Amino acid sequence: MRAGDFEWSDLIFFLAVARAGRLTVAAARLKVEHSTVSRRIGALEAALGAKLFDRRPHGYGLTAAGERLMAAAEGMETLALAAQGEIGGADLGVAGTVRIGAPDGFGTFFLAPRISALADLHPELDIQLLAMPRLFSLSKREADIAISLSRPKEGRLHARKLTDYRLGLYAARAYLERHGPIESRAGLQRHPFIGYVDDLIYAPELDYVPLVAKDIRVRLKSSSLVAQLTATQAGAGVCVLPCFMADLFAGERPDALVPILPGEVGLTRTFWLLTHTDTRDLARIRVAADFIAGVVQKGRGVLLPG
């Protein structure tokens, strides 16, 4: 292979496909047509004289040669990102796209109402907020910043503790008026609960219903915390909810949320901010991470009341 046959920028397309596993997903992330991605991968394979991917019905998998190239390509990417951070970030304003992955409750009810201030501070920064009930892989570049419920034990990740937050039991005011007050843990057994779908709990920290009381029957299940909140407001039953969400809907309306056994039943969990070691010093990521840490610090009274 001649040096001129190797197009370095093809590695960008190679990494995107390797991480996404599908041409269409890689193309969407790179903002090009999938035919362009296919062509660049084909050109790279021809230049290297090696098959890099196995084409399978469910997507693309790396061959042995592809695995070897992956390590080298990620090393080159790390050097390029370091140069961008040290040189490009020194004189330029914060610009580009930053993708933030967060649990749906925190992303929707805490971060979304505050994130516009980051956009106002940096007009050239495009912000993507993924508020979803799932884990985000920073190694696969699914996000630049991830809000997690636990500190990772492995991987090239940097973890920063944001805050503890409190959860409690809640039901709609109209529900309690129909069924009467709940005055003890033993009384919880007589009420339907709302919770997560067992096999779709994406973090063990969310499996908290068994910690509330024994023999609780979860009759309505959803993978989405936002859906659980809405069902609770509609009077479907009792639910464990973060206080920073439920307290937004306090009041005298029939669908207002009322805390149950607040002095007896309560849980505490933790939010962690994760960034990848290779990208955490890029200006757009560093600024966004610092902004999130700042608004969380200011909102600690909401996240960890009383």
C-alpha atoms as a PDB file:
ATOM      1  CA  MET A   1       0.000   0.000   0.000  1.00  0.00           C
ATOM      2  CA  ARG A   2       1.362   3.381  -0.973  1.00  0.00           C
ATOM      3  CA  ALA A   3       1.171   6.256   1.518  1.00  0.00           C
ATOM      4  CA  GLY A   4      -0.936   8.225  -0.932  1.00  0.00           C
ATOM      5  CA  ASP A   5      -3.597   5.499  -0.953  1.00  0.00           C
ATOM      6  CA  PHE A   6      -4.462   6.076   2.691  1.00  0.00           C
ATOM      7  CA  GLU A   7      -7.004   8.812   3.377  1.00  0.00           C
ATOM      8  CA  TRP A   8      -6.720   9.712   7.055  1.00  0.00           C
ATOM      9  CA  SER A   9     -10.189  11.201   7.262  1.00  0.00           C
ATOM     10  CA  ASP A  10     -11.661   7.790   6.398  1.00  0.00           C
ATOM     11  CA  LEU A  11     -10.876   6.829   9.987  1.00  0.00           C
ATOM     12  CA  ILE A  12     -13.578   9.217  11.175  1.00  0.00           C
ATOM     13  CA  PHE A  13     -16.132   7.180   9.246  1.00  0.00           C
ATOM     14  CA  PHE A  14     -14.580   3.918  10.425  1.00  0.00           C
ATOM     15  CA  LEU A  15     -14.873   4.955  14.092  1.00  0.00           C
ATOM     16  CA  ALA A  16     -18.454   6.120  13.641  1.00  0.00           C
ATOM     17  CA  VAL A  17     -19.552   2.787  12.150  1.00  0.00           C
ATOM     18  CA  ALA A  18     -17.575   0.761  14.687  1.00  0.00           C
ATOM     19  CA  ARG A  19     -19.265   2.607  17.544  1.00  0.00           C
ATOM     20  CA  ALA A  20     -22.777   2.750  16.114  1.00  0.00           C
ATOM     21  CA  GLY A  21     -22.856  -0.708  14.530  1.00  0.00           C
ATOM     22  CA  ARG A  22     -25.065   0.581  11.707  1.00  0.00           C
ATOM     23  CA  LEU A  23     -24.420   2.729   8.649  1.00  0.00           C
ATOM     24  CA  THR A  24     -27.584   4.767   9.049  1.00  0.00           C
ATOM     25  CA  VAL A  25     -26.830   5.664  12.671  1.00  0.00           C
ATOM     26  CA  ALA A  26     -23.219   6.542  11.838  1.00  0.00           C
ATOM     27  CA  ALA A  27     -24.380   8.683   8.918  1.00  0.00           C
ATOM     28  CA  ALA A  28     -26.841  10.558  11.128  1.00  0.00           C
ATOM     29  CA  ARG A  29     -24.120  11.317  13.680  1.00  0.00           C
ATOM     30  CA  LEU A  30     -21.742  12.510  10.961  1.00  0.00           C
ATOM     31  CA  LYS A  31     -24.535  14.426   9.179  1.00  0.00           C
ATOM     32  CA  VAL A  32     -23.879  12.791   5.805  1.00  0.00           C
ATOM     33  CA  GLU A  33     -25.710  10.336   3.573  1.00  0.00           C
ATOM     34  CA  HIS A  34     -25.326   6.653   4.443  1.00  0.00           C
ATOM     35  CA  SER A  35     -24.010   6.055   0.926  1.00  0.00           C
ATOM     36  CA  THR A  36     -21.121   8.391   1.741  1.00  0.00           C
ATOM     37  CA  VAL A  37     -20.268   6.371   4.825  1.00  0.00           C
ATOM     38  CA  SER A  38     -20.420   3.128   2.837  1.00  0.00           C
ATOM     39  CA  ARG A  39     -18.158   4.559   0.138  1.00  0.00           C
ATOM     40  CA  ARG A  40     -15.571   5.811   2.635  1.00  0.00           C
ATOM     41  CA  ILE A  41     -15.504   2.473   4.463  1.00  0.00           C
ATOM     42  CA  GLY A  42     -15.059   0.676   1.154  1.00  0.00           C
ATOM     43  CA  ALA A  43     -12.207   2.991   0.195  1.00  0.00           C
ATOM     44  CA  LEU A  44     -10.492   2.407   3.553  1.00  0.00           C
ATOM     45  CA  GLU A  45     -10.784  -1.365   3.230  1.00  0.00           C
ATOM     46  CA  ALA A  46      -9.390  -1.213  -0.304  1.00  0.00           C
ATOM     47  CA  ALA A  47      -6.476   0.996   0.778  1.00  0.00           C
ATOM     48  CA  LEU A  48      -5.601  -1.268   3.703  1.00  0.00           C
ATOM     49  CA  GLY A  49      -6.207  -4.471   1.767  1.00  0.00           C
ATOM     50  CA  ALA A  50      -8.261  -5.863   4.634  1.00  0.00           C
ATOM     51  CA  LYS A  51     -11.896  -6.489   5.484  1.00  0.00           C
ATOM     52  CA  LEU A  52     -12.729  -4.341   8.519  1.00  0.00           C
ATOM     53  CA  PHE A  53     -16.381  -5.222   9.092  1.00  0.00           C
ATOM     54  CA  ASP A  54     -18.597  -8.259   8.899  1.00  0.00           C
ATOM     55  CA  ARG A  55     -21.891  -7.198   7.351  1.00  0.00           C
ATOM     56  CA  ARG A  56     -24.641  -8.837   9.371  1.00  0.00           C
ATOM     57  CA  PRO A  57     -28.449  -8.556   9.218  1.00  0.00           C
ATOM     58  CA  HIS A  58     -28.533  -6.599  12.480  1.00  0.00           C
ATOM     59  CA  GLY A  59     -25.554  -4.358  11.709  1.00  0.00           C
ATOM     60  CA  TYR A  60     -21.811  -4.121  11.298  1.00  0.00           C
ATOM     61  CA  GLY A  61     -19.351  -6.028  13.490  1.00  0.00           C
ATOM     62  CA  LEU A  62     -15.593  -5.588  13.558  1.00  0.00           C
ATOM     63  CA  THR A  63     -13.359  -8.285  12.088  1.00  0.00           C
ATOM     64  CA  ALA A  64     -10.010  -9.135  13.686  1.00  0.00           C
ATOM     65  CA  ALA A  65      -8.370  -6.585  11.392  1.00  0.00           C
ATOM     66  CA  GLY A  66     -11.021  -4.067  12.345  1.00  0.00           C
ATOM     67  CA  GLU A  67     -10.344  -4.625  16.038  1.00  0.00           C
ATOM     68  CA  ARG A  68      -6.644  -3.910  15.492  1.00  0.00           C
ATOM     69  CA  LEU A  69      -7.420  -0.776  13.510  1.00  0.00           C
ATOM     70  CA  MET A  70      -9.888   0.360  16.179  1.00  0.00           C
ATOM     71  CA  ALA A  71      -7.135   0.612  18.784  1.00  0.00           C
ATOM     72  CA  ALA A  72      -4.879   2.585  16.437  1.00  0.00           C
ATOM     73  CA  ALA A  73      -7.702   4.855  15.240  1.00  0.00           C
ATOM     74  CA  GLU A  74      -8.800   5.684  18.780  1.00  0.00           C
ATOM     75  CA  GLY A  75      -5.204   6.543  19.644  1.00  0.00           C
ATOM     76  CA  MET A  76      -5.063   8.945  16.690  1.00  0.00           C
ATOM     77  CA  GLU A  77      -8.415  10.412  17.711  1.00  0.00           C
ATOM     78  CA  THR A  78      -7.128  11.004  21.227  1.00  0.00           C
ATOM     79  CA  LEU A  79      -4.098  12.908  19.902  1.00  0.00           C
ATOM     80  CA  ALA A  80      -6.277  14.980  17.579  1.00  0.00           C
ATOM     81  CA  LEU A  81      -8.694  15.865  20.376  1.00  0.00           C
ATOM     82  CA  ALA A  82      -5.818  16.799  22.665  1.00  0.00           C
ATOM     83  CA  ALA A  83      -4.411  19.131  19.998  1.00  0.00           C
ATOM     84  CA  GLN A  84      -7.842  20.662  19.481  1.00  0.00           C
ATOM     85  CA  GLY A  85      -8.213  21.269  23.200  1.00  0.00           C
ATOM     86  CA  GLU A  86      -4.739  22.726  23.691  1.00  0.00           C
ATOM     87  CA  ILE A  87      -4.468  24.810  20.535  1.00  0.00           C
ATOM     88  CA  GLY A  88      -7.931  25.366  19.119  1.00  0.00           C
ATOM     89  CA  GLY A  89      -9.510  26.059  22.493  1.00  0.00           C
ATOM     90  CA  ALA A  90      -6.959  28.650  23.476  1.00  0.00           C
ATOM     91  CA  ASP A  91      -8.110  31.447  21.223  1.00  0.00           C
ATOM     92  CA  LEU A  92     -11.567  30.450  19.983  1.00  0.00           C
ATOM     93  CA  GLY A  93     -14.888  30.929  21.687  1.00  0.00           C
ATOM     94  CA  VAL A  94     -16.973  27.956  22.755  1.00  0.00           C
ATOM     95  CA  ALA A  95     -18.590  26.532  19.644  1.00  0.00           C
ATOM     96  CA  GLY A  96     -19.778  23.262  18.162  1.00  0.00           C
ATOM     97  CA  THR A  97     -22.202  20.678  19.515  1.00  0.00           C
ATOM     98  CA  VAL A  98     -22.366  19.186  22.981  1.00  0.00           C
ATOM     99  CA  ARG A  99     -24.618  16.202  23.639  1.00  0.00           C
ATOM    100  CA  ILE A 100     -25.812  15.656  27.209  1.00  0.00           C
ATOM    101  CA  GLY A 101     -27.379  12.350  28.199  1.00  0.00           C
ATOM    102  CA  ALA A 102     -29.477  12.384  31.363  1.00  0.00           C
ATOM    103  CA  PRO A 103     -32.151  10.290  33.112  1.00  0.00           C
ATOM    104  CA  ASP A 104     -35.576  11.372  31.924  1.00  0.00           C
ATOM    105  CA  GLY A 105     -36.683  12.847  35.237  1.00  0.00           C
ATOM    106  CA  PHE A 106     -33.556  14.901  35.875  1.00  0.00           C
ATOM    107  CA  GLY A 107     -33.216  15.899  32.242  1.00  0.00           C
ATOM    108  CA  THR A 108     -36.847  16.937  31.835  1.00  0.00           C
ATOM    109  CA  PHE A 109     -37.715  18.543  35.154  1.00  0.00           C
ATOM    110  CA  PHE A 110     -34.401  19.905  36.420  1.00  0.00           C
ATOM    111  CA  LEU A 111     -31.966  20.423  33.567  1.00  0.00           C
ATOM    112  CA  ALA A 112     -34.276  21.413  30.703  1.00  0.00           C
ATOM    113  CA  PRO A 113     -35.723  24.506  32.464  1.00  0.00           C
ATOM    114  CA  ARG A 114     -32.185  25.749  33.200  1.00  0.00           C
ATOM    115  CA  ILE A 115     -30.220  24.779  30.086  1.00  0.00           C
ATOM    116  CA  SER A 116     -31.184  27.859  28.062  1.00  0.00           C
ATOM    117  CA  ALA A 117     -28.822  29.919  30.215  1.00  0.00           C
ATOM    118  CA  LEU A 118     -25.924  27.894  28.794  1.00  0.00           C
ATOM    119  CA  ALA A 119     -27.109  28.670  25.265  1.00  0.00           C
ATOM    120  CA  ASP A 120     -27.381  32.370  26.135  1.00  0.00           C
ATOM    121  CA  LEU A 121     -23.810  32.408  27.457  1.00  0.00           C
ATOM    122  CA  HIS A 122     -22.436  30.683  24.344  1.00  0.00           C
ATOM    123  CA  PRO A 123     -24.438  31.555  21.206  1.00  0.00           C
ATOM    124  CA  GLU A 124     -22.218  29.390  18.979  1.00  0.00           C
ATOM    125  CA  LEU A 125     -22.783  26.282  21.088  1.00  0.00           C
ATOM    126  CA  ASP A 126     -25.442  23.820  19.934  1.00  0.00           C
ATOM    127  CA  ILE A 127     -26.903  21.811  22.810  1.00  0.00           C
ATOM    128  CA  GLN A 128     -28.468  18.363  22.499  1.00  0.00           C
ATOM    129  CA  LEU A 129     -30.236  17.172  25.644  1.00  0.00           C
ATOM    130  CA  LEU A 130     -31.106  13.468  25.606  1.00  0.00           C
ATOM    131  CA  ALA A 131     -33.531  12.962  28.487  1.00  0.00           C
ATOM    132  CA  MET A 132     -34.098   9.214  28.335  1.00  0.00           C
ATOM    133  CA  PRO A 133     -34.409   6.243  30.726  1.00  0.00           C
ATOM    134  CA  ARG A 134     -31.184   4.534  29.667  1.00  0.00           C
ATOM    135  CA  LEU A 135     -27.415   4.440  30.080  1.00  0.00           C
ATOM    136  CA  PHE A 136     -25.224   6.362  27.652  1.00  0.00           C
ATOM    137  CA  SER A 137     -21.901   5.051  26.372  1.00  0.00           C
ATOM    138  CA  LEU A 138     -19.298   7.805  26.264  1.00  0.00           C
ATOM    139  CA  SER A 139     -16.793   5.410  24.711  1.00  0.00           C
ATOM    140  CA  LYS A 140     -19.148   4.940  21.763  1.00  0.00           C
ATOM    141  CA  ARG A 141     -19.694   8.720  21.670  1.00  0.00           C
ATOM    142  CA  GLU A 142     -23.412   8.376  22.302  1.00  0.00           C
ATOM    143  CA  ALA A 143     -23.023  11.500  24.427  1.00  0.00           C
ATOM    144  CA  ASP A 144     -20.289  13.927  25.437  1.00  0.00           C
ATOM    145  CA  ILE A 145     -21.579  14.203  28.995  1.00  0.00           C
ATOM    146  CA  ALA A 146     -23.666  11.655  30.867  1.00  0.00           C
ATOM    147  CA  ILE A 147     -25.554  12.009  34.125  1.00  0.00           C
ATOM    148  CA  SER A 148     -25.389   8.677  35.937  1.00  0.00           C
ATOM    149  CA  LEU A 149     -26.781   7.202  39.132  1.00  0.00           C
ATOM    150  CA  SER A 150     -23.494   5.496  39.985  1.00  0.00           C
ATOM    151  CA  ARG A 151     -19.770   6.045  39.685  1.00  0.00           C
ATOM    152  CA  PRO A 152     -18.258   3.832  36.970  1.00  0.00           C
ATOM    153  CA  LYS A 153     -15.807   1.200  38.123  1.00  0.00           C
ATOM    154  CA  GLU A 154     -13.964   0.860  34.813  1.00  0.00           C
ATOM    155  CA  GLY A 155     -13.326   2.587  31.509  1.00  0.00           C
ATOM    156  CA  ARG A 156     -11.584   5.818  30.518  1.00  0.00           C
ATOM    157  CA  LEU A 157     -14.134   7.977  32.274  1.00  0.00           C
ATOM    158  CA  HIS A 158     -13.906  10.919  34.637  1.00  0.00           C
ATOM    159  CA  ALA A 159     -16.622  11.070  37.314  1.00  0.00           C
ATOM    160  CA  ARG A 160     -17.674  14.141  39.272  1.00  0.00           C
ATOM    161  CA  LYS A 161     -20.244  13.839  42.042  1.00  0.00           C
ATOM    162  CA  LEU A 162     -23.004  16.346  41.423  1.00  0.00           C
ATOM    163  CA  THR A 163     -25.285  15.859  44.409  1.00  0.00           C
ATOM    164  CA  ASP A 164     -27.367  13.500  46.450  1.00  0.00           C
ATOM    165  CA  TYR A 165     -31.111  13.764  45.858  1.00  0.00           C
ATOM    166  CA  ARG A 166     -34.106  12.648  47.820  1.00  0.00           C
ATOM    167  CA  LEU A 167     -37.081  10.495  46.872  1.00  0.00           C
ATOM    168  CA  GLY A 168     -40.352   9.902  48.676  1.00  0.00           C
ATOM    169  CA  LEU A 169     -43.760   8.296  48.380  1.00  0.00           C
ATOM    170  CA  TYR A 170     -46.498  10.289  46.639  1.00  0.00           C
ATOM    171  CA  ALA A 171     -50.107   9.946  45.571  1.00  0.00           C
ATOM    172  CA  ALA A 172     -52.587  12.333  44.000  1.00  0.00           C
ATOM    173  CA  ARG A 173     -54.807  14.325  46.338  1.00  0.00           C
ATOM    174  CA  ALA A 174     -57.907  12.933  44.616  1.00  0.00           C
ATOM    175  CA  TYR A 175     -56.641   9.369  45.083  1.00  0.00           C
ATOM    176  CA  LEU A 176     -56.163   9.858  48.830  1.00  0.00           C
ATOM    177  CA  GLU A 177     -59.590  11.456  49.139  1.00  0.00           C
ATOM    178  CA  ARG A 178     -61.137   8.355  47.534  1.00  0.00           C
ATOM    179  CA  HIS A 179     -59.109   5.742  49.426  1.00  0.00           C
ATOM    180  CA  GLY A 180     -58.327   7.494  52.675  1.00  0.00           C
ATOM    181  CA  PRO A 181     -55.013   8.515  54.231  1.00  0.00           C
ATOM    182  CA  ILE A 182     -52.067   6.121  54.501  1.00  0.00           C
ATOM    183  CA  GLU A 183     -50.829   6.235  58.081  1.00  0.00           C
ATOM    184  CA  SER A 184     -48.280   3.407  58.292  1.00  0.00           C
ATOM    185  CA  ARG A 185     -45.989   1.204  56.198  1.00  0.00           C
ATOM    186  CA  ALA A 186     -48.340  -1.698  56.819  1.00  0.00           C
ATOM    187  CA  GLY A 187     -51.116   0.278  55.195  1.00  0.00           C
ATOM    188  CA  LEU A 188     -49.161   0.504  51.932  1.00  0.00           C
ATOM    189  CA  GLN A 189     -49.977  -3.123  51.121  1.00  0.00           C
ATOM    190  CA  ARG A 190     -53.598  -2.190  50.462  1.00  0.00           C
ATOM    191  CA  HIS A 191     -52.711   0.268  47.700  1.00  0.00           C
ATOM    192  CA  PRO A 192     -51.627  -0.275  44.096  1.00  0.00           C
ATOM    193  CA  PHE A 193     -48.120   0.925  43.311  1.00  0.00           C
ATOM    194  CA  ILE A 194     -46.621   2.436  40.188  1.00  0.00           C
ATOM    195  CA  GLY A 195     -43.043   1.520  39.307  1.00  0.00           C
ATOM    196  CA  TYR A 196     -40.513   0.362  36.747  1.00  0.00           C
ATOM    197  CA  VAL A 197     -40.780  -2.620  34.404  1.00  0.00           C
ATOM    198  CA  ASP A 198     -38.538  -5.143  36.149  1.00  0.00           C
ATOM    199  CA  ASP A 199     -36.445  -6.232  33.176  1.00  0.00           C
ATOM    200  CA  LEU A 200     -36.088  -2.667  31.891  1.00  0.00           C
ATOM    201  CA  ILE A 201     -34.589  -1.166  35.051  1.00  0.00           C
ATOM    202  CA  TYR A 202     -31.384   0.264  33.589  1.00  0.00           C
ATOM    203  CA  ALA A 203     -29.629   0.949  36.905  1.00  0.00           C
ATOM    204  CA  PRO A 204     -29.844  -1.049  40.161  1.00  0.00           C
ATOM    205  CA  GLU A 205     -30.263   2.204  42.084  1.00  0.00           C
ATOM    206  CA  LEU A 206     -33.785   2.442  40.625  1.00  0.00           C
ATOM    207  CA  ASP A 207     -34.964  -0.860  42.094  1.00  0.00           C
ATOM    208  CA  TYR A 208     -36.248   0.787  45.240  1.00  0.00           C
ATOM    209  CA  VAL A 209     -39.833  -0.418  45.679  1.00  0.00           C
ATOM    210  CA  PRO A 210     -38.700  -3.481  47.726  1.00  0.00           C
ATOM    211  CA  LEU A 211     -36.963  -1.057  50.092  1.00  0.00           C
ATOM    212  CA  VAL A 212     -40.202   0.760  50.901  1.00  0.00           C
ATOM    213  CA  ALA A 213     -42.201  -2.127  52.368  1.00  0.00           C
ATOM    214  CA  LYS A 214     -42.756  -5.853  51.972  1.00  0.00           C
ATOM    215  CA  ASP A 215     -45.491  -7.368  49.822  1.00  0.00           C
ATOM    216  CA  ILE A 216     -46.060  -4.253  47.738  1.00  0.00           C
ATOM    217  CA  ARG A 217     -47.910  -4.984  44.525  1.00  0.00           C
ATOM    218  CA  VAL A 218     -46.769  -2.924  41.555  1.00  0.00           C
ATOM    219  CA  ARG A 219     -49.808  -2.930  39.295  1.00  0.00           C
ATOM    220  CA  LEU A 220     -48.753  -0.292  36.775  1.00  0.00           C
ATOM    221  CA  LYS A 221     -45.249  -0.385  35.356  1.00  0.00           C
ATOM    222  CA  SER A 222     -43.402   1.904  32.961  1.00  0.00           C
ATOM    223  CA  SER A 223     -39.800   2.288  31.870  1.00  0.00           C
ATOM    224  CA  SER A 224     -40.279   6.070  31.998  1.00  0.00           C
ATOM    225  CA  LEU A 225     -40.211   8.029  35.239  1.00  0.00           C
ATOM    226  CA  VAL A 226     -42.137  10.829  33.538  1.00  0.00           C
ATOM    227  CA  ALA A 227     -44.909   8.356  32.661  1.00  0.00           C
ATOM    228  CA  GLN A 228     -44.948   7.122  36.275  1.00  0.00           C
ATOM    229  CA  LEU A 229     -45.360  10.712  37.473  1.00  0.00           C
ATOM    230  CA  THR A 230     -48.235  11.340  35.076  1.00  0.00           C
ATOM    231  CA  ALA A 231     -49.992   8.123  36.086  1.00  0.00           C
ATOM    232  CA  THR A 232     -49.648   9.091  39.748  1.00  0.00           C
ATOM    233  CA  GLN A 233     -51.228  12.471  39.054  1.00  0.00           C
ATOM    234  CA  ALA A 234     -54.089  10.677  37.300  1.00  0.00           C
ATOM    235  CA  GLY A 235     -54.812   8.721  40.480  1.00  0.00           C
ATOM    236  CA  ALA A 236     -53.471   5.304  39.424  1.00  0.00           C
ATOM    237  CA  GLY A 237     -51.838   4.660  42.784  1.00  0.00           C
ATOM    238  CA  VAL A 238     -48.790   5.314  44.945  1.00  0.00           C
ATOM    239  CA  CYS A 239     -45.342   5.947  43.484  1.00  0.00           C
ATOM    240  CA  VAL A 240     -41.761   6.533  44.595  1.00  0.00           C
ATOM    241  CA  LEU A 241     -40.731   9.829  42.989  1.00  0.00           C
ATOM    242  CA  PRO A 242     -37.823  12.244  43.286  1.00  0.00           C
ATOM    243  CA  CYS A 243     -38.858  15.153  45.466  1.00  0.00           C
ATOM    244  CA  PHE A 244     -37.552  17.657  42.914  1.00  0.00           C
ATOM    245  CA  MET A 245     -40.180  16.361  40.481  1.00  0.00           C
ATOM    246  CA  ALA A 246     -43.121  15.715  42.768  1.00  0.00           C
ATOM    247  CA  ASP A 247     -42.808  19.014  44.633  1.00  0.00           C
ATOM    248  CA  LEU A 248     -43.448  20.856  41.367  1.00  0.00           C
ATOM    249  CA  PHE A 249     -46.983  19.501  41.472  1.00  0.00           C
ATOM    250  CA  ALA A 250     -47.942  20.232  45.076  1.00  0.00           C
ATOM    251  CA  GLY A 251     -51.118  22.167  45.805  1.00  0.00           C
ATOM    252  CA  GLU A 252     -54.854  21.802  46.232  1.00  0.00           C
ATOM    253  CA  ARG A 253     -55.822  20.568  42.753  1.00  0.00           C
ATOM    254  CA  PRO A 254     -57.214  17.014  42.513  1.00  0.00           C
ATOM    255  CA  ASP A 255     -54.105  15.914  40.586  1.00  0.00           C
ATOM    256  CA  ALA A 256     -51.689  17.605  42.998  1.00  0.00           C
ATOM    257  CA  LEU A 257     -49.161  15.245  44.559  1.00  0.00           C
ATOM    258  CA  VAL A 258     -49.177  14.690  48.296  1.00  0.00           C
ATOM    259  CA  PRO A 259     -46.237  13.163  50.208  1.00  0.00           C
ATOM    260  CA  ILE A 260     -46.996   9.938  52.083  1.00  0.00           C
ATOM    261  CA  LEU A 261     -45.262   9.059  55.367  1.00  0.00           C
ATOM    262  CA  PRO A 262     -42.601  11.729  54.756  1.00  0.00           C
ATOM    263  CA  GLY A 263     -41.021  11.255  58.164  1.00  0.00           C
ATOM    264  CA  GLU A 264     -40.894   7.482  57.862  1.00  0.00           C
ATOM    265  CA  VAL A 265     -40.261   6.574  54.219  1.00  0.00           C
ATOM    266  CA  GLY A 266     -37.511   8.241  52.225  1.00  0.00           C
ATOM    267  CA  LEU A 267     -34.628   7.294  49.963  1.00  0.00           C
ATOM    268  CA  THR A 268     -31.445   9.060  48.886  1.00  0.00           C
ATOM    269  CA  ARG A 269     -29.643   8.525  45.600  1.00  0.00           C
ATOM    270  CA  THR A 270     -26.736  10.282  43.865  1.00  0.00           C
ATOM    271  CA  PHE A 271     -26.210  11.974  40.512  1.00  0.00           C
ATOM    272  CA  TRP A 272     -22.749  11.715  38.932  1.00  0.00           C
ATOM    273  CA  LEU A 273     -21.494  13.710  35.953  1.00  0.00           C
ATOM    274  CA  LEU A 274     -19.394  11.585  33.600  1.00  0.00           C
ATOM    275  CA  THR A 275     -17.081  12.672  30.800  1.00  0.00           C
ATOM    276  CA  HIS A 276     -14.617  10.721  28.693  1.00  0.00           C
ATOM    277  CA  THR A 277     -10.960  11.183  29.555  1.00  0.00           C
ATOM    278  CA  ASP A 278     -10.102  11.899  25.910  1.00  0.00           C
ATOM    279  CA  THR A 279     -12.667  14.677  25.470  1.00  0.00           C
ATOM    280  CA  ARG A 280     -13.326  16.211  28.894  1.00  0.00           C
ATOM    281  CA  ASP A 281     -10.886  19.102  28.337  1.00  0.00           C
ATOM    282  CA  LEU A 282     -12.470  20.239  25.065  1.00  0.00           C
ATOM    283  CA  ALA A 283     -13.878  23.715  25.610  1.00  0.00           C
ATOM    284  CA  ARG A 284     -17.456  22.863  24.619  1.00  0.00           C
ATOM    285  CA  ILE A 285     -17.548  19.869  26.963  1.00  0.00           C
ATOM    286  CA  ARG A 286     -15.703  21.518  29.827  1.00  0.00           C
ATOM    287  CA  VAL A 287     -17.962  24.570  29.753  1.00  0.00           C
ATOM    288  CA  ALA A 288     -21.149  22.496  29.603  1.00  0.00           C
ATOM    289  CA  ALA A 289     -19.994  20.233  32.436  1.00  0.00           C
ATOM    290  CA  ASP A 290     -19.105  23.197  34.622  1.00  0.00           C
ATOM    291  CA  PHE A 291     -22.473  24.783  33.859  1.00  0.00           C
ATOM    292  CA  ILE A 292     -24.356  21.644  34.921  1.00  0.00           C
ATOM    293  CA  ALA A 293     -22.324  21.403  38.116  1.00  0.00           C
ATOM    294  CA  GLY A 294     -23.088  25.062  38.821  1.00  0.00           C
ATOM    295  CA  VAL A 295     -26.864  24.845  38.372  1.00  0.00           C
ATOM    296  CA  VAL A 296     -26.961  21.686  40.470  1.00  0.00           C
ATOM    297  CA  GLN A 297     -25.081  23.455  43.256  1.00  0.00           C
ATOM    298  CA  LYS A 298     -27.551  26.332  43.137  1.00  0.00           C
ATOM    299  CA  GLY A 299     -30.469  23.898  43.110  1.00  0.00           C
ATOM    300  CA  ARG A 300     -29.339  21.655  45.957  1.00  0.00           C
ATOM    301  CA  GLY A 301     -32.247  22.820  48.083  1.00  0.00           C
ATOM    302  CA  VAL A 302     -34.629  21.512  45.414  1.00  0.00           C
ATOM    303  CA  LEU A 303     -32.803  18.235  44.915  1.00  0.00           C
ATOM    304  CA  LEU A 304     -32.156  17.581  48.595  1.00  0.00           C
ATOM    305  CA  PRO A 305     -34.955  19.357  50.477  1.00  0.00           C
ATOM    306  CA  GLY A 306     -35.076  19.833  54.219  1.00  0.00           C
END
